[in-house]
Amino acid sequence: MNVWYEQAQARLKEEYKAVAGQKESAMKSAVRDALLEFCRQNEEFAQAVVQGGSFKDCMAAVAKGVGGSISDLEAYRRAASFYFEGAKVNFSMTIQMEPAAIEPDRGILLDLSDFF
């Protein structure tokens, strides 16, 4: 881990407690975790979190104008943009119904006609 990540982690952990408000409180855990993952991925982003505004202000910016709901992706985008203007957040989802369908080389395929 890099020094910036450790500082960002400590800062977000400490400032987490100061977040108030119904919407902010409902989102703060998931947003903090996403920000930590972004900090882990990119040292420059971690530095921006350390040197940027407070997590309380970040969560206020995320919740601004939110009606009854906001998507996770939009919340993470707003949080990332709060610390690093112009930051983009990409999201990828996959579904795995059966392990063999995703990894066809796993397991053994037997043809019972080989035994006759």
PDB file of N, CA and C in Angstrom:
ATOM      1  N   MET A   1       0.842  -1.175   0.000  1.00  0.00           N
ATOM      2  CA  MET A   1       0.000   0.000   0.000  1.00  0.00           C
ATOM      3  C   MET A   1       0.892   1.245   0.000  1.00  0.00           C
ATOM      4  N   ASN A   2       0.340   2.310  -0.550  1.00  0.00           N
ATOM      5  CA  ASN A   2       1.122   3.543  -0.598  1.00  0.00           C
ATOM      6  C   ASN A   2       0.755   4.460   0.574  1.00  0.00           C
ATOM      7  N   VAL A   3       1.607   5.414   0.802  1.00  0.00           N
ATOM      8  CA  VAL A   3       1.431   6.344   1.917  1.00  0.00           C
ATOM      9  C   VAL A   3       0.147   7.155   1.751  1.00  0.00           C
ATOM     10  N   TRP A   4      -0.151   7.571   0.533  1.00  0.00           N
ATOM     11  CA  TRP A   4      -1.370   8.355   0.301  1.00  0.00           C
ATOM     12  C   TRP A   4      -2.607   7.542   0.639  1.00  0.00           C
ATOM     13  N   TYR A   5      -2.600   6.261   0.275  1.00  0.00           N
ATOM     14  CA  TYR A   5      -3.755   5.406   0.590  1.00  0.00           C
ATOM     15  C   TYR A   5      -3.949   5.331   2.098  1.00  0.00           C
ATOM     16  N   GLU A   6      -2.886   5.105   2.830  1.00  0.00           N
ATOM     17  CA  GLU A   6      -2.985   4.994   4.284  1.00  0.00           C
ATOM     18  C   GLU A   6      -3.510   6.282   4.910  1.00  0.00           C
ATOM     19  N   GLN A   7      -3.063   7.420   4.396  1.00  0.00           N
ATOM     20  CA  GLN A   7      -3.545   8.704   4.905  1.00  0.00           C
ATOM     21  C   GLN A   7      -5.017   8.916   4.551  1.00  0.00           C
ATOM     22  N   ALA A   8      -5.400   8.551   3.336  1.00  0.00           N
ATOM     23  CA  ALA A   8      -6.800   8.684   2.909  1.00  0.00           C
ATOM     24  C   ALA A   8      -7.691   7.781   3.755  1.00  0.00           C
ATOM     25  N   GLN A   9      -7.230   6.575   3.988  1.00  0.00           N
ATOM     26  CA  GLN A   9      -7.990   5.623   4.802  1.00  0.00           C
ATOM     27  C   GLN A   9      -8.209   6.174   6.211  1.00  0.00           C
ATOM     28  N   ALA A  10      -7.151   6.695   6.807  1.00  0.00           N
ATOM     29  CA  ALA A  10      -7.255   7.261   8.157  1.00  0.00           C
ATOM     30  C   ALA A  10      -8.194   8.468   8.182  1.00  0.00           C
ATOM     31  N   ARG A  11      -8.081   9.311   7.168  1.00  0.00           N
ATOM     32  CA  ARG A  11      -8.925  10.510   7.119  1.00  0.00           C
ATOM     33  C   ARG A  11     -10.398  10.142   6.956  1.00  0.00           C
ATOM     34  N   LEU A  12     -10.706   9.255   6.030  1.00  0.00           N
ATOM     35  CA  LEU A  12     -12.097   8.863   5.810  1.00  0.00           C
ATOM     36  C   LEU A  12     -12.673   8.173   7.041  1.00  0.00           C
ATOM     37  N   LYS A  13     -11.872   7.363   7.694  1.00  0.00           N
ATOM     38  CA  LYS A  13     -12.333   6.683   8.910  1.00  0.00           C
ATOM     39  C   LYS A  13     -12.679   7.696   9.999  1.00  0.00           C
ATOM     40  N   GLU A  14     -11.811   8.678  10.183  1.00  0.00           N
ATOM     41  CA  GLU A  14     -12.036   9.689  11.217  1.00  0.00           C
ATOM     42  C   GLU A  14     -13.232  10.585  10.876  1.00  0.00           C
ATOM     43  N   GLU A  15     -13.326  11.035   9.645  1.00  0.00           N
ATOM     44  CA  GLU A  15     -14.385  11.969   9.252  1.00  0.00           C
ATOM     45  C   GLU A  15     -15.733  11.287   9.052  1.00  0.00           C
ATOM     46  N   TYR A  16     -15.750   9.986   8.953  1.00  0.00           N
ATOM     47  CA  TYR A  16     -16.975   9.193   8.796  1.00  0.00           C
ATOM     48  C   TYR A  16     -17.965   9.513   9.915  1.00  0.00           C
ATOM     49  N   LYS A  17     -17.447   9.669  11.109  1.00  0.00           N
ATOM     50  CA  LYS A  17     -18.276   9.900  12.302  1.00  0.00           C
ATOM     51  C   LYS A  17     -19.048  11.218  12.242  1.00  0.00           C
ATOM     52  N   ALA A  18     -18.522  12.190  11.517  1.00  0.00           N
ATOM     53  CA  ALA A  18     -19.124  13.527  11.486  1.00  0.00           C
ATOM     54  C   ALA A  18     -20.297  13.633  10.498  1.00  0.00           C
ATOM     55  N   VAL A  19     -20.472  12.620   9.660  1.00  0.00           N
ATOM     56  CA  VAL A  19     -21.534  12.678   8.648  1.00  0.00           C
ATOM     57  C   VAL A  19     -22.890  12.522   9.320  1.00  0.00           C
ATOM     58  N   ALA A  20     -23.783  13.463   9.049  1.00  0.00           N
ATOM     59  CA  ALA A  20     -25.128  13.441   9.605  1.00  0.00           C
ATOM     60  C   ALA A  20     -26.123  13.619   8.469  1.00  0.00           C
ATOM     61  N   GLY A  21     -27.368  13.519   8.782  1.00  0.00           N
ATOM     62  CA  GLY A  21     -28.407  13.657   7.770  1.00  0.00           C
ATOM     63  C   GLY A  21     -28.891  12.284   7.356  1.00  0.00           C
ATOM     64  N   GLN A  22     -30.165  12.185   7.114  1.00  0.00           N
ATOM     65  CA  GLN A  22     -30.778  10.892   6.805  1.00  0.00           C
ATOM     66  C   GLN A  22     -30.208  10.270   5.528  1.00  0.00           C
ATOM     67  N   LYS A  23     -30.182  11.019   4.448  1.00  0.00           N
ATOM     68  CA  LYS A  23     -29.689  10.487   3.171  1.00  0.00           C
ATOM     69  C   LYS A  23     -28.188  10.222   3.234  1.00  0.00           C
ATOM     70  N   GLU A  24     -27.466  11.168   3.800  1.00  0.00           N
ATOM     71  CA  GLU A  24     -26.016  11.028   3.910  1.00  0.00           C
ATOM     72  C   GLU A  24     -25.651   9.802   4.739  1.00  0.00           C
ATOM     73  N   SER A  25     -26.346   9.623   5.855  1.00  0.00           N
ATOM     74  CA  SER A  25     -26.062   8.495   6.740  1.00  0.00           C
ATOM     75  C   SER A  25     -26.390   7.153   6.086  1.00  0.00           C
ATOM     76  N   ALA A  26     -27.424   7.153   5.257  1.00  0.00           N
ATOM     77  CA  ALA A  26     -27.805   5.914   4.582  1.00  0.00           C
ATOM     78  C   ALA A  26     -26.765   5.481   3.555  1.00  0.00           C
ATOM     79  N   MET A  27     -26.052   6.439   2.988  1.00  0.00           N
ATOM     80  CA  MET A  27     -25.096   6.146   1.916  1.00  0.00           C
ATOM     81  C   MET A  27     -23.642   6.128   2.359  1.00  0.00           C
ATOM     82  N   LYS A  28     -23.341   6.678   3.521  1.00  0.00           N
ATOM     83  CA  LYS A  28     -21.947   6.951   3.865  1.00  0.00           C
ATOM     84  C   LYS A  28     -21.047   5.717   3.905  1.00  0.00           C
ATOM     85  N   SER A  29     -21.547   4.602   4.338  1.00  0.00           N
ATOM     86  CA  SER A  29     -20.717   3.402   4.419  1.00  0.00           C
ATOM     87  C   SER A  29     -20.305   2.909   3.033  1.00  0.00           C
ATOM     88  N   ALA A  30     -21.271   2.799   2.140  1.00  0.00           N
ATOM     89  CA  ALA A  30     -20.990   2.318   0.778  1.00  0.00           C
ATOM     90  C   ALA A  30     -20.109   3.298   0.013  1.00  0.00           C
ATOM     91  N   VAL A  31     -20.362   4.590   0.190  1.00  0.00           N
ATOM     92  CA  VAL A  31     -19.559   5.602  -0.504  1.00  0.00           C
ATOM     93  C   VAL A  31     -18.130   5.595   0.025  1.00  0.00           C
ATOM     94  N   ARG A  32     -17.972   5.512   1.339  1.00  0.00           N
ATOM     95  CA  ARG A  32     -16.630   5.452   1.915  1.00  0.00           C
ATOM     96  C   ARG A  32     -15.861   4.234   1.379  1.00  0.00           C
ATOM     97  N   ASP A  33     -16.519   3.078   1.332  1.00  0.00           N
ATOM     98  CA  ASP A  33     -15.866   1.868   0.835  1.00  0.00           C
ATOM     99  C   ASP A  33     -15.458   2.014  -0.628  1.00  0.00           C
ATOM    100  N   ALA A  34     -16.318   2.636  -1.432  1.00  0.00           N
ATOM    101  CA  ALA A  34     -15.982   2.853  -2.845  1.00  0.00           C
ATOM    102  C   ALA A  34     -14.799   3.819  -2.970  1.00  0.00           C
ATOM    103  N   LEU A  35     -14.807   4.884  -2.181  1.00  0.00           N
ATOM    104  CA  LEU A  35     -13.689   5.835  -2.217  1.00  0.00           C
ATOM    105  C   LEU A  35     -12.375   5.158  -1.821  1.00  0.00           C
ATOM    106  N   LEU A  36     -12.432   4.297  -0.823  1.00  0.00           N
ATOM    107  CA  LEU A  36     -11.221   3.574  -0.418  1.00  0.00           C
ATOM    108  C   LEU A  36     -10.720   2.666  -1.537  1.00  0.00           C
ATOM    109  N   GLU A  37     -11.633   2.052  -2.241  1.00  0.00           N
ATOM    110  CA  GLU A  37     -11.224   1.210  -3.373  1.00  0.00           C
ATOM    111  C   GLU A  37     -10.601   2.066  -4.476  1.00  0.00           C
ATOM    112  N   PHE A  38     -11.170   3.226  -4.744  1.00  0.00           N
ATOM    113  CA  PHE A  38     -10.590   4.131  -5.739  1.00  0.00           C
ATOM    114  C   PHE A  38      -9.193   4.583  -5.293  1.00  0.00           C
ATOM    115  N   CYS A  39      -9.045   4.867  -4.004  1.00  0.00           N
ATOM    116  CA  CYS A  39      -7.735   5.277  -3.471  1.00  0.00           C
ATOM    117  C   CYS A  39      -6.718   4.148  -3.609  1.00  0.00           C
ATOM    118  N   ARG A  40      -7.161   2.937  -3.398  1.00  0.00           N
ATOM    119  CA  ARG A  40      -6.276   1.786  -3.542  1.00  0.00           C
ATOM    120  C   ARG A  40      -5.832   1.624  -4.994  1.00  0.00           C
ATOM    121  N   GLN A  41      -6.721   1.915  -5.923  1.00  0.00           N
ATOM    122  CA  GLN A  41      -6.440   1.758  -7.345  1.00  0.00           C
ATOM    123  C   GLN A  41      -5.535   2.863  -7.891  1.00  0.00           C
ATOM    124  N   ASN A  42      -5.624   4.059  -7.313  1.00  0.00           N
ATOM    125  CA  ASN A  42      -4.938   5.195  -7.922  1.00  0.00           C
ATOM    126  C   ASN A  42      -4.348   6.106  -6.853  1.00  0.00           C
ATOM    127  N   GLU A  43      -3.035   6.202  -6.824  1.00  0.00           N
ATOM    128  CA  GLU A  43      -2.338   7.001  -5.817  1.00  0.00           C
ATOM    129  C   GLU A  43      -2.680   8.488  -5.932  1.00  0.00           C
ATOM    130  N   GLU A  44      -2.854   8.978  -7.150  1.00  0.00           N
ATOM    131  CA  GLU A  44      -3.190  10.393  -7.334  1.00  0.00           C
ATOM    132  C   GLU A  44      -4.573  10.700  -6.759  1.00  0.00           C
ATOM    133  N   PHE A  45      -5.502   9.766  -6.922  1.00  0.00           N
ATOM    134  CA  PHE A  45      -6.834   9.961  -6.344  1.00  0.00           C
ATOM    135  C   PHE A  45      -6.737   9.945  -4.817  1.00  0.00           C
ATOM    136  N   ALA A  46      -5.954   9.033  -4.270  1.00  0.00           N
ATOM    137  CA  ALA A  46      -5.769   8.976  -2.811  1.00  0.00           C
ATOM    138  C   ALA A  46      -5.216  10.298  -2.293  1.00  0.00           C
ATOM    139  N   GLN A  47      -4.275  10.871  -3.003  1.00  0.00           N
ATOM    140  CA  GLN A  47      -3.701  12.156  -2.614  1.00  0.00           C
ATOM    141  C   GLN A  47      -4.782  13.243  -2.633  1.00  0.00           C
ATOM    142  N   ALA A  48      -5.654  13.207  -3.629  1.00  0.00           N
ATOM    143  CA  ALA A  48      -6.738  14.191  -3.718  1.00  0.00           C
ATOM    144  C   ALA A  48      -7.688  14.067  -2.529  1.00  0.00           C
ATOM    145  N   VAL A  49      -7.935  12.856  -2.081  1.00  0.00           N
ATOM    146  CA  VAL A  49      -8.799  12.653  -0.913  1.00  0.00           C
ATOM    147  C   VAL A  49      -8.129  13.217   0.332  1.00  0.00           C
ATOM    148  N   VAL A  50      -6.845  12.976   0.481  1.00  0.00           N
ATOM    149  CA  VAL A  50      -6.109  13.478   1.650  1.00  0.00           C
ATOM    150  C   VAL A  50      -6.097  14.997   1.667  1.00  0.00           C
ATOM    151  N   GLN A  51      -5.907  15.605   0.519  1.00  0.00           N
ATOM    152  CA  GLN A  51      -5.744  17.052   0.446  1.00  0.00           C
ATOM    153  C   GLN A  51      -7.041  17.801   0.136  1.00  0.00           C
ATOM    154  N   GLY A  52      -8.113  17.065  -0.121  1.00  0.00           N
ATOM    155  CA  GLY A  52      -9.363  17.695  -0.525  1.00  0.00           C
ATOM    156  C   GLY A  52     -10.283  18.020   0.631  1.00  0.00           C
ATOM    157  N   GLY A  53     -11.532  18.250   0.291  1.00  0.00           N
ATOM    158  CA  GLY A  53     -12.545  18.607   1.284  1.00  0.00           C
ATOM    159  C   GLY A  53     -12.865  17.459   2.217  1.00  0.00           C
ATOM    160  N   SER A  54     -13.680  17.755   3.201  1.00  0.00           N
ATOM    161  CA  SER A  54     -14.016  16.759   4.219  1.00  0.00           C
ATOM    162  C   SER A  54     -15.010  15.730   3.664  1.00  0.00           C
ATOM    163  N   PHE A  55     -15.016  14.575   4.297  1.00  0.00           N
ATOM    164  CA  PHE A  55     -15.961  13.524   3.909  1.00  0.00           C
ATOM    165  C   PHE A  55     -17.399  13.976   4.182  1.00  0.00           C
ATOM    166  N   LYS A  56     -17.591  14.754   5.227  1.00  0.00           N
ATOM    167  CA  LYS A  56     -18.920  15.297   5.529  1.00  0.00           C
ATOM    168  C   LYS A  56     -19.409  16.167   4.365  1.00  0.00           C
ATOM    169  N   ASP A  57     -18.536  17.041   3.858  1.00  0.00           N
ATOM    170  CA  ASP A  57     -18.903  17.883   2.717  1.00  0.00           C
ATOM    171  C   ASP A  57     -19.095  17.044   1.451  1.00  0.00           C
ATOM    172  N   CYS A  58     -18.297  16.014   1.313  1.00  0.00           N
ATOM    173  CA  CYS A  58     -18.447  15.107   0.174  1.00  0.00           C
ATOM    174  C   CYS A  58     -19.836  14.475   0.186  1.00  0.00           C
ATOM    175  N   MET A  59     -20.243  13.969   1.342  1.00  0.00           N
ATOM    176  CA  MET A  59     -21.547  13.323   1.437  1.00  0.00           C
ATOM    177  C   MET A  59     -22.686  14.326   1.236  1.00  0.00           C
ATOM    178  N   ALA A  60     -22.503  15.553   1.648  1.00  0.00           N
ATOM    179  CA  ALA A  60     -23.509  16.590   1.388  1.00  0.00           C
ATOM    180  C   ALA A  60     -23.631  16.819  -0.115  1.00  0.00           C
ATOM    181  N   ALA A  61     -22.498  16.807  -0.822  1.00  0.00           N
ATOM    182  CA  ALA A  61     -22.513  16.984  -2.278  1.00  0.00           C
ATOM    183  C   ALA A  61     -23.168  15.789  -2.967  1.00  0.00           C
ATOM    184  N   VAL A  62     -22.923  14.602  -2.449  1.00  0.00           N
ATOM    185  CA  VAL A  62     -23.538  13.393  -3.021  1.00  0.00           C
ATOM    186  C   VAL A  62     -25.058  13.446  -2.845  1.00  0.00           C
ATOM    187  N   ALA A  63     -25.512  13.866  -1.680  1.00  0.00           N
ATOM    188  CA  ALA A  63     -26.946  13.868  -1.368  1.00  0.00           C
ATOM    189  C   ALA A  63     -27.700  15.068  -1.949  1.00  0.00           C
ATOM    190  N   LYS A  64     -26.976  16.077  -2.404  1.00  0.00           N
ATOM    191  CA  LYS A  64     -27.624  17.299  -2.898  1.00  0.00           C
ATOM    192  C   LYS A  64     -28.569  16.992  -4.067  1.00  0.00           C
ATOM    193  N   GLY A  65     -29.819  17.429  -3.901  1.00  0.00           N
ATOM    194  CA  GLY A  65     -30.806  17.278  -4.961  1.00  0.00           C
ATOM    195  C   GLY A  65     -31.381  15.875  -5.112  1.00  0.00           C
ATOM    196  N   VAL A  66     -30.983  14.980  -4.230  1.00  0.00           N
ATOM    197  CA  VAL A  66     -31.492  13.607  -4.317  1.00  0.00           C
ATOM    198  C   VAL A  66     -32.917  13.583  -3.778  1.00  0.00           C
ATOM    199  N   GLY A  67     -33.789  13.007  -4.547  1.00  0.00           N
ATOM    200  CA  GLY A  67     -35.176  12.864  -4.097  1.00  0.00           C
ATOM    201  C   GLY A  67     -35.293  11.659  -3.188  1.00  0.00           C
ATOM    202  N   GLY A  68     -36.021  10.661  -3.645  1.00  0.00           N
ATOM    203  CA  GLY A  68     -36.227   9.466  -2.846  1.00  0.00           C
ATOM    204  C   GLY A  68     -35.131   8.437  -2.981  1.00  0.00           C
ATOM    205  N   SER A  69     -34.339   8.536  -4.055  1.00  0.00           N
ATOM    206  CA  SER A  69     -33.293   7.533  -4.236  1.00  0.00           C
ATOM    207  C   SER A  69     -32.218   8.034  -5.205  1.00  0.00           C
ATOM    208  N   ILE A  70     -31.090   7.326  -5.193  1.00  0.00           N
ATOM    209  CA  ILE A  70     -29.988   7.593  -6.107  1.00  0.00           C
ATOM    210  C   ILE A  70     -29.317   6.244  -6.365  1.00  0.00           C
ATOM    211  N   SER A  71     -28.856   6.039  -7.558  1.00  0.00           N
ATOM    212  CA  SER A  71     -28.182   4.775  -7.847  1.00  0.00           C
ATOM    213  C   SER A  71     -26.808   4.768  -7.186  1.00  0.00           C
ATOM    214  N   ASP A  72     -26.307   3.590  -6.899  1.00  0.00           N
ATOM    215  CA  ASP A  72     -24.970   3.478  -6.336  1.00  0.00           C
ATOM    216  C   ASP A  72     -23.955   4.126  -7.262  1.00  0.00           C
ATOM    217  N   LEU A  73     -24.073   3.837  -8.548  1.00  0.00           N
ATOM    218  CA  LEU A  73     -23.129   4.370  -9.525  1.00  0.00           C
ATOM    219  C   LEU A  73     -23.100   5.898  -9.503  1.00  0.00           C
ATOM    220  N   GLU A  74     -24.258   6.517  -9.441  1.00  0.00           N
ATOM    221  CA  GLU A  74     -24.320   7.982  -9.404  1.00  0.00           C
ATOM    222  C   GLU A  74     -23.734   8.524  -8.103  1.00  0.00           C
ATOM    223  N   ALA A  75     -23.992   7.854  -6.996  1.00  0.00           N
ATOM    224  CA  ALA A  75     -23.433   8.290  -5.715  1.00  0.00           C
ATOM    225  C   ALA A  75     -21.907   8.213  -5.753  1.00  0.00           C
ATOM    226  N   TYR A  76     -21.364   7.137  -6.288  1.00  0.00           N
ATOM    227  CA  TYR A  76     -19.907   6.983  -6.373  1.00  0.00           C
ATOM    228  C   TYR A  76     -19.310   8.000  -7.336  1.00  0.00           C
ATOM    229  N   ARG A  77     -20.014   8.285  -8.429  1.00  0.00           N
ATOM    230  CA  ARG A  77     -19.533   9.277  -9.390  1.00  0.00           C
ATOM    231  C   ARG A  77     -19.464  10.656  -8.751  1.00  0.00           C
ATOM    232  N   ARG A  78     -20.509  11.015  -8.018  1.00  0.00           N
ATOM    233  CA  ARG A  78     -20.529  12.318  -7.347  1.00  0.00           C
ATOM    234  C   ARG A  78     -19.414  12.416  -6.302  1.00  0.00           C
ATOM    235  N   ALA A  79     -19.204  11.340  -5.558  1.00  0.00           N
ATOM    236  CA  ALA A  79     -18.157  11.344  -4.530  1.00  0.00           C
ATOM    237  C   ALA A  79     -16.776  11.466  -5.164  1.00  0.00           C
ATOM    238  N   ALA A  80     -16.530  10.703  -6.221  1.00  0.00           N
ATOM    239  CA  ALA A  80     -15.231  10.766  -6.903  1.00  0.00           C
ATOM    240  C   ALA A  80     -15.000  12.160  -7.480  1.00  0.00           C
ATOM    241  N   SER A  81     -16.047  12.739  -8.069  1.00  0.00           N
ATOM    242  CA  SER A  81     -15.934  14.082  -8.649  1.00  0.00           C
ATOM    243  C   SER A  81     -15.725  15.147  -7.585  1.00  0.00           C
ATOM    244  N   PHE A  82     -16.238  14.918  -6.390  1.00  0.00           N
ATOM    245  CA  PHE A  82     -16.024  15.869  -5.292  1.00  0.00           C
ATOM    246  C   PHE A  82     -14.530  16.007  -4.998  1.00  0.00           C
ATOM    247  N   TYR A  83     -13.841  14.900  -4.982  1.00  0.00           N
ATOM    248  CA  TYR A  83     -12.408  14.922  -4.668  1.00  0.00           C
ATOM    249  C   TYR A  83     -11.524  15.165  -5.881  1.00  0.00           C
ATOM    250  N   PHE A  84     -11.974  14.734  -7.045  1.00  0.00           N
ATOM    251  CA  PHE A  84     -11.141  14.850  -8.241  1.00  0.00           C
ATOM    252  C   PHE A  84     -12.053  15.193  -9.411  1.00  0.00           C
ATOM    253  N   GLU A  85     -12.173  16.479  -9.684  1.00  0.00           N
ATOM    254  CA  GLU A  85     -13.081  16.951 -10.730  1.00  0.00           C
ATOM    255  C   GLU A  85     -12.792  16.260 -12.059  1.00  0.00           C
ATOM    256  N   GLY A  86     -13.841  15.801 -12.691  1.00  0.00           N
ATOM    257  CA  GLY A  86     -13.708  15.127 -13.977  1.00  0.00           C
ATOM    258  C   GLY A  86     -13.492  13.630 -13.872  1.00  0.00           C
ATOM    259  N   ALA A  87     -13.382  13.111 -12.649  1.00  0.00           N
ATOM    260  CA  ALA A  87     -13.202  11.670 -12.480  1.00  0.00           C
ATOM    261  C   ALA A  87     -14.438  10.935 -12.981  1.00  0.00           C
ATOM    262  N   LYS A  88     -14.216   9.846 -13.641  1.00  0.00           N
ATOM    263  CA  LYS A  88     -15.315   9.021 -14.136  1.00  0.00           C
ATOM    264  C   LYS A  88     -15.304   7.696 -13.380  1.00  0.00           C
ATOM    265  N   VAL A  89     -16.476   7.133 -13.193  1.00  0.00           N
ATOM    266  CA  VAL A  89     -16.601   5.858 -12.505  1.00  0.00           C
ATOM    267  C   VAL A  89     -17.272   4.884 -13.465  1.00  0.00           C
ATOM    268  N   ASN A  90     -16.603   3.785 -13.732  1.00  0.00           N
ATOM    269  CA  ASN A  90     -17.160   2.743 -14.594  1.00  0.00           C
ATOM    270  C   ASN A  90     -17.650   1.597 -13.729  1.00  0.00           C
ATOM    271  N   PHE A  91     -18.681   0.953 -14.203  1.00  0.00           N
ATOM    272  CA  PHE A  91     -19.314  -0.108 -13.443  1.00  0.00           C
ATOM    273  C   PHE A  91     -19.500  -1.307 -14.351  1.00  0.00           C
ATOM    274  N   SER A  92     -19.182  -2.471 -13.853  1.00  0.00           N
ATOM    275  CA  SER A  92     -19.331  -3.685 -14.643  1.00  0.00           C
ATOM    276  C   SER A  92     -20.010  -4.743 -13.792  1.00  0.00           C
ATOM    277  N   MET A  93     -21.001  -5.396 -14.359  1.00  0.00           N
ATOM    278  CA  MET A  93     -21.709  -6.463 -13.658  1.00  0.00           C
ATOM    279  C   MET A  93     -21.734  -7.700 -14.532  1.00  0.00           C
ATOM    280  N   THR A  94     -21.600  -8.834 -13.904  1.00  0.00           N
ATOM    281  CA  THR A  94     -21.737 -10.104 -14.614  1.00  0.00           C
ATOM    282  C   THR A  94     -22.598 -11.020 -13.771  1.00  0.00           C
ATOM    283  N   ILE A  95     -23.170 -11.984 -14.411  1.00  0.00           N
ATOM    284  CA  ILE A  95     -23.952 -12.990 -13.705  1.00  0.00           C
ATOM    285  C   ILE A  95     -23.323 -14.348 -14.001  1.00  0.00           C
ATOM    286  N   GLN A  96     -23.243 -15.173 -12.985  1.00  0.00           N
ATOM    287  CA  GLN A  96     -22.700 -16.513 -13.146  1.00  0.00           C
ATOM    288  C   GLN A  96     -23.752 -17.478 -12.637  1.00  0.00           C
ATOM    289  N   MET A  97     -24.390 -18.184 -13.547  1.00  0.00           N
ATOM    290  CA  MET A  97     -25.452 -19.114 -13.174  1.00  0.00           C
ATOM    291  C   MET A  97     -24.896 -20.466 -12.728  1.00  0.00           C
ATOM    292  N   GLU A  98     -23.915 -20.958 -13.449  1.00  0.00           N
ATOM    293  CA  GLU A  98     -23.300 -22.237 -13.123  1.00  0.00           C
ATOM    294  C   GLU A  98     -21.799 -22.105 -13.338  1.00  0.00           C
ATOM    295  N   PRO A  99     -21.010 -22.584 -12.425  1.00  0.00           N
ATOM    296  CA  PRO A  99     -19.556 -22.475 -12.592  1.00  0.00           C
ATOM    297  C   PRO A  99     -19.060 -23.085 -13.903  1.00  0.00           C
ATOM    298  N   ALA A 100     -19.615 -24.196 -14.337  1.00  0.00           N
ATOM    299  CA  ALA A 100     -19.152 -24.854 -15.563  1.00  0.00           C
ATOM    300  C   ALA A 100     -19.441 -24.007 -16.802  1.00  0.00           C
ATOM    301  N   ALA A 101     -20.510 -23.198 -16.755  1.00  0.00           N
ATOM    302  CA  ALA A 101     -20.851 -22.368 -17.912  1.00  0.00           C
ATOM    303  C   ALA A 101     -19.811 -21.268 -18.112  1.00  0.00           C
ATOM    304  N   ILE A 102     -19.221 -20.792 -17.038  1.00  0.00           N
ATOM    305  CA  ILE A 102     -18.222 -19.732 -17.117  1.00  0.00           C
ATOM    306  C   ILE A 102     -16.829 -20.322 -17.338  1.00  0.00           C
ATOM    307  N   GLU A 103     -16.579 -21.470 -16.714  1.00  0.00           N
ATOM    308  CA  GLU A 103     -15.264 -22.104 -16.809  1.00  0.00           C
ATOM    309  C   GLU A 103     -15.426 -23.521 -17.357  1.00  0.00           C
ATOM    310  N   PRO A 104     -15.562 -23.662 -18.672  1.00  0.00           N
ATOM    311  CA  PRO A 104     -15.861 -24.971 -19.251  1.00  0.00           C
ATOM    312  C   PRO A 104     -14.738 -25.995 -19.081  1.00  0.00           C
ATOM    313  N   ASP A 105     -13.530 -25.585 -18.770  1.00  0.00           N
ATOM    314  CA  ASP A 105     -12.425 -26.521 -18.611  1.00  0.00           C
ATOM    315  C   ASP A 105     -12.421 -27.201 -17.254  1.00  0.00           C
ATOM    316  N   ARG A 106     -13.257 -26.751 -16.354  1.00  0.00           N
ATOM    317  CA  ARG A 106     -13.311 -27.347 -15.022  1.00  0.00           C
ATOM    318  C   ARG A 106     -14.153 -28.604 -15.068  1.00  0.00           C
ATOM    319  N   GLY A 107     -13.715 -29.632 -14.382  1.00  0.00           N
ATOM    320  CA  GLY A 107     -14.471 -30.867 -14.293  1.00  0.00           C
ATOM    321  C   GLY A 107     -14.090 -31.836 -15.399  1.00  0.00           C
ATOM    322  N   ILE A 108     -14.730 -32.978 -15.368  1.00  0.00           N
ATOM    323  CA  ILE A 108     -14.464 -34.043 -16.332  1.00  0.00           C
ATOM    324  C   ILE A 108     -15.745 -34.339 -17.084  1.00  0.00           C
ATOM    325  N   LEU A 109     -15.652 -34.424 -18.372  1.00  0.00           N
ATOM    326  CA  LEU A 109     -16.784 -34.769 -19.212  1.00  0.00           C
ATOM    327  C   LEU A 109     -16.645 -36.225 -19.612  1.00  0.00           C
ATOM    328  N   LEU A 110     -17.580 -37.043 -19.195  1.00  0.00           N
ATOM    329  CA  LEU A 110     -17.551 -38.459 -19.528  1.00  0.00           C
ATOM    330  C   LEU A 110     -18.599 -38.770 -20.577  1.00  0.00           C
ATOM    331  N   ASP A 111     -18.211 -39.553 -21.558  1.00  0.00           N
ATOM    332  CA  ASP A 111     -19.151 -40.067 -22.548  1.00  0.00           C
ATOM    333  C   ASP A 111     -19.362 -41.527 -22.197  1.00  0.00           C
ATOM    334  N   LEU A 112     -20.541 -41.817 -21.680  1.00  0.00           N
ATOM    335  CA  LEU A 112     -20.822 -43.182 -21.219  1.00  0.00           C
ATOM    336  C   LEU A 112     -20.723 -44.225 -22.317  1.00  0.00           C
ATOM    337  N   SER A 113     -20.838 -43.829 -23.560  1.00  0.00           N
ATOM    338  CA  SER A 113     -20.718 -44.807 -24.653  1.00  0.00           C
ATOM    339  C   SER A 113     -19.310 -45.365 -24.753  1.00  0.00           C
ATOM    340  N   ASP A 114     -18.310 -44.679 -24.170  1.00  0.00           N
ATOM    341  CA  ASP A 114     -16.938 -45.189 -24.161  1.00  0.00           C
ATOM    342  C   ASP A 114     -16.807 -46.450 -23.332  1.00  0.00           C
ATOM    343  N   PHE A 115     -17.764 -46.734 -22.462  1.00  0.00           N
ATOM    344  CA  PHE A 115     -17.689 -47.898 -21.585  1.00  0.00           C
ATOM    345  C   PHE A 115     -18.409 -49.102 -22.159  1.00  0.00           C
ATOM    346  N   PHE A 116     -19.039 -49.007 -23.311  1.00  0.00           N
ATOM    347  CA  PHE A 116     -19.761 -50.155 -23.917  1.00  0.00           C
ATOM    348  C   PHE A 116     -18.897 -50.871 -24.890  1.00  0.00           C
TER     349      PHE A 116
END
